[in-house]
């Protein structure tokens, strides 16, 4: 399972939560747009897995 261990991945996640646009995040962090898209995909996967685990606990 992918985790938010990578510092840039954590920063991307925080900036998304703060409402930064996809164009602003690479500028803010000094990373490529492709890296941001990859991190966003990883974050979505993490959240989806966590939601599924939580839902299974309450069945």
C-alpha atoms as a PDB file:
ATOM      1  CA  UNK A   1       0.000   0.000   0.000  1.00  0.00           C
ATOM      2  CA  UNK A   2       1.189   3.517  -0.787  1.00  0.00           C
ATOM      3  CA  UNK A   3       1.637   5.823   2.194  1.00  0.00           C
ATOM      4  CA  UNK A   4       2.158   9.547   2.628  1.00  0.00           C
ATOM      5  CA  UNK A   5       5.789   8.986   3.632  1.00  0.00           C
ATOM      6  CA  UNK A   6       7.216  11.097   0.828  1.00  0.00           C
ATOM      7  CA  UNK A   7       7.545  14.727   1.985  1.00  0.00           C
ATOM      8  CA  UNK A   8       6.441  16.179  -1.370  1.00  0.00           C
ATOM      9  CA  UNK A   9       3.414  13.858  -1.397  1.00  0.00           C
ATOM     10  CA  UNK A  10       2.449  15.189   2.046  1.00  0.00           C
ATOM     11  CA  UNK A  11       2.906  18.769   0.855  1.00  0.00           C
ATOM     12  CA  UNK A  12       0.787  18.143  -2.263  1.00  0.00           C
ATOM     13  CA  UNK A  13      -1.956  16.660  -0.084  1.00  0.00           C
ATOM     14  CA  UNK A  14      -1.893  19.676   2.261  1.00  0.00           C
ATOM     15  CA  UNK A  15      -1.981  22.143  -0.620  1.00  0.00           C
ATOM     16  CA  UNK A  16      -4.930  20.315  -2.199  1.00  0.00           C
ATOM     17  CA  UNK A  17      -6.783  20.539   1.111  1.00  0.00           C
ATOM     18  CA  UNK A  18      -5.972  24.257   1.275  1.00  0.00           C
ATOM     19  CA  UNK A  19      -7.585  24.769  -2.131  1.00  0.00           C
ATOM     20  CA  UNK A  20      -4.515  25.262  -4.308  1.00  0.00           C
ATOM     21  CA  UNK A  21      -5.156  24.673  -8.001  1.00  0.00           C
ATOM     22  CA  UNK A  22      -3.293  22.005  -9.989  1.00  0.00           C
ATOM     23  CA  UNK A  23      -1.333  24.807 -11.691  1.00  0.00           C
ATOM     24  CA  UNK A  24      -0.318  26.445  -8.395  1.00  0.00           C
ATOM     25  CA  UNK A  25       1.020  23.329  -6.661  1.00  0.00           C
ATOM     26  CA  UNK A  26       4.038  22.694  -8.945  1.00  0.00           C
ATOM     27  CA  UNK A  27       4.979  26.368  -8.720  1.00  0.00           C
ATOM     28  CA  UNK A  28       4.695  26.344  -4.923  1.00  0.00           C
ATOM     29  CA  UNK A  29       6.784  23.180  -4.474  1.00  0.00           C
ATOM     30  CA  UNK A  30       9.166  23.485  -7.414  1.00  0.00           C
ATOM     31  CA  UNK A  31       8.201  20.087  -8.833  1.00  0.00           C
ATOM     32  CA  UNK A  32       6.778  19.059 -12.193  1.00  0.00           C
ATOM     33  CA  UNK A  33       3.093  18.978 -13.053  1.00  0.00           C
ATOM     34  CA  UNK A  34       3.513  15.284 -13.828  1.00  0.00           C
ATOM     35  CA  UNK A  35       4.828  14.640 -10.292  1.00  0.00           C
ATOM     36  CA  UNK A  36       1.828  16.465  -8.832  1.00  0.00           C
ATOM     37  CA  UNK A  37      -0.553  14.373 -10.937  1.00  0.00           C
ATOM     38  CA  UNK A  38       1.217  11.182  -9.827  1.00  0.00           C
ATOM     39  CA  UNK A  39       1.014  12.243  -6.170  1.00  0.00           C
ATOM     40  CA  UNK A  40      -2.678  13.113  -6.569  1.00  0.00           C
ATOM     41  CA  UNK A  41      -3.298   9.633  -7.983  1.00  0.00           C
ATOM     42  CA  UNK A  42      -1.395   8.074  -5.060  1.00  0.00           C
ATOM     43  CA  UNK A  43      -3.366  10.155  -2.553  1.00  0.00           C
ATOM     44  CA  UNK A  44      -6.665   9.137  -4.138  1.00  0.00           C
ATOM     45  CA  UNK A  45      -5.601   5.487  -3.923  1.00  0.00           C
ATOM     46  CA  UNK A  46      -4.681   5.871  -0.246  1.00  0.00           C
ATOM     47  CA  UNK A  47      -7.979   7.534   0.604  1.00  0.00           C
ATOM     48  CA  UNK A  48      -9.999   4.973  -1.335  1.00  0.00           C
ATOM     49  CA  UNK A  49      -8.283   2.100   0.452  1.00  0.00           C
ATOM     50  CA  UNK A  50      -8.821   3.744   3.849  1.00  0.00           C
ATOM     51  CA  UNK A  51     -12.507   4.329   3.122  1.00  0.00           C
ATOM     52  CA  UNK A  52     -12.933   0.704   2.078  1.00  0.00           C
ATOM     53  CA  UNK A  53     -11.207  -0.536   5.245  1.00  0.00           C
ATOM     54  CA  UNK A  54     -13.337   1.728   7.428  1.00  0.00           C
ATOM     55  CA  UNK A  55     -16.550   0.679   5.695  1.00  0.00           C
ATOM     56  CA  UNK A  56     -15.701  -2.987   6.187  1.00  0.00           C
ATOM     57  CA  UNK A  57     -15.210  -2.437   9.935  1.00  0.00           C
ATOM     58  CA  UNK A  58     -18.776  -1.148  10.343  1.00  0.00           C
ATOM     59  CA  UNK A  59     -20.544  -3.962   8.513  1.00  0.00           C
END
